[in-house]
Structure formats: C-alpha cells, structure tokens
Protein backbone atom coordinates (compact mmCIF):
# COMPACT_ATOMS: atom_id res chain seq x y z
CA MET A 1 0.19 0.05 -0.18
CA GLU A 2 1.34 3.32 -0.95
CA THR A 3 1.53 6.09 1.63
CA LYS A 4 1.45 9.73 1.11
CA LEU A 5 4.99 10.11 2.08
CA GLN A 6 6.18 7.59 -0.61
CA ASN A 7 3.79 9.40 -3.04
CA PHE A 8 5.51 12.55 -2.24
CA GLN A 9 9.06 11.15 -2.27
CA PHE A 10 8.35 9.74 -5.79
CA LYS A 11 7.11 13.13 -7.13
CA LEU A 12 9.93 15.12 -5.48
CA ILE A 13 12.68 12.82 -6.83
CA HIS A 14 11.06 12.92 -10.41
CA ARG A 15 10.69 16.61 -10.07
CA PHE A 16 6.78 16.59 -10.73
CA ILE A 17 5.84 18.56 -7.86
CA PRO A 18 3.20 21.25 -8.67
CA TYR A 19 5.56 24.67 -8.60
CA ASN A 20 4.46 27.68 -10.32
CA LYS A 21 7.02 27.58 -13.25
CA LEU A 22 5.90 24.29 -14.12
CA LEU A 23 2.41 24.88 -13.89
CA HIS A 24 3.00 28.63 -15.91
CA LYS A 25 4.37 26.35 -18.78
CA MET A 26 1.49 23.84 -18.66
CA LYS A 27 -0.79 27.08 -19.07
CA LEU A 28 -2.62 26.65 -15.76
CA LEU A 29 -1.15 29.66 -14.07
CA SER A 30 -0.68 33.25 -15.31
CA SER A 31 2.60 33.75 -13.85
CA PRO A 32 5.81 31.58 -12.90
CA ASN A 33 6.58 33.73 -9.72
CA CYS A 34 6.67 32.44 -6.23
CA LYS A 35 3.23 32.94 -4.35
CA TYR A 36 4.84 34.34 -1.44
CA CYS A 37 7.24 36.95 -2.48
CA ARG A 38 5.88 37.32 -6.27
CA THR A 39 9.31 38.50 -7.46
CA VAL A 40 11.35 35.41 -8.15
CA VAL A 41 10.37 32.85 -10.47
CA ASP A 42 9.13 29.55 -8.28
CA THR A 43 11.26 26.37 -8.63
CA ILE A 44 11.31 23.08 -6.61
CA GLU A 45 14.25 24.41 -5.14
CA ARG A 46 12.69 27.77 -4.08
CA ARG A 47 9.37 26.26 -3.10
CA PHE A 48 11.21 23.97 -0.41
CA PHE A 49 14.35 25.74 0.57
CA LEU A 50 15.25 29.25 -0.91
CA CYS A 51 12.03 31.41 -0.31
CA PRO A 52 12.36 33.70 2.41
CA GLU A 53 9.23 32.65 3.64
CA ILE A 54 9.92 29.21 3.66
CA THR A 55 13.17 29.76 5.28
CA LYS A 56 11.23 31.10 8.20
CA PHE A 57 9.28 27.97 8.32
CA TRP A 58 12.32 25.78 8.32
CA ARG A 59 13.66 27.71 11.18
CA ASN A 60 10.72 27.41 13.11
CA PHE A 61 10.42 23.75 12.62
CA VAL A 62 13.82 23.13 13.57
CA LEU A 63 13.36 25.24 16.98
CA TRP A 64 10.07 22.83 17.37
CA TRP A 65 11.68 20.00 16.94
CA ASN A 66 14.83 20.78 18.95
CA SER A 67 12.22 21.38 21.78
CA PHE A 68 10.96 17.95 21.75
CA GLU A 69 14.50 16.66 21.65
CA ASN A 70 15.62 18.62 24.77
CA GLN A 71 12.05 17.81 26.33
CA PHE A 72 12.80 14.03 25.58
CA CYS A 73 16.45 14.50 27.19
CA LEU A 74 15.12 15.82 30.49
CA GLU A 75 12.66 13.21 30.77
CA TYR A 76 14.84 10.57 29.85
CA LEU A 77 17.65 11.73 32.61
CA SER A 78 14.99 12.26 35.18
CA VAL A 79 13.78 8.82 34.95
CA GLN A 80 17.55 7.39 35.14
CA ASN A 81 17.84 9.22 38.67
C-alpha cells in the first residue's frame, strides 16, 4: 500500500511537484513567480528551501523539533536518577 509520504517522495525525486514555473509552462497559471514573494520565478528548490518565507518555516520547524529533543532528554535523565 502506497503512503502519502512515498507518493510525495516519488514526485519530488522525479521533479513533478506542482510548482509555479511548471504550472505556468503548462498554461495553468498566469505567472511563474513564487506565490509568497511574487518577484522571483518559483522552482522546486525555491519552493522548499530558498524562498524567504519558507526559510522562516524551516527555522521554526527546527526550533520546534529541538524543543522535543530537549524535552525527551530531560525526561530521560529524570527517569535515570
């Protein structure tokens, strides 16, 4: 059974994530620009890593993730003592 993650990974590896440059080329969008900053052409790389709005998301995600790691470490250490 295929999962959503497997489906996403397949699309990402084969570069068929619906980003604006591709959708514009298919004549499904009027502009190829990023939907967040609207000034630069949207690509897969930009969509996931380079857009300033996306980098904010990743920064917050890392902070959130690290908070769980720290919480787990503290709980583990308290159980050990």
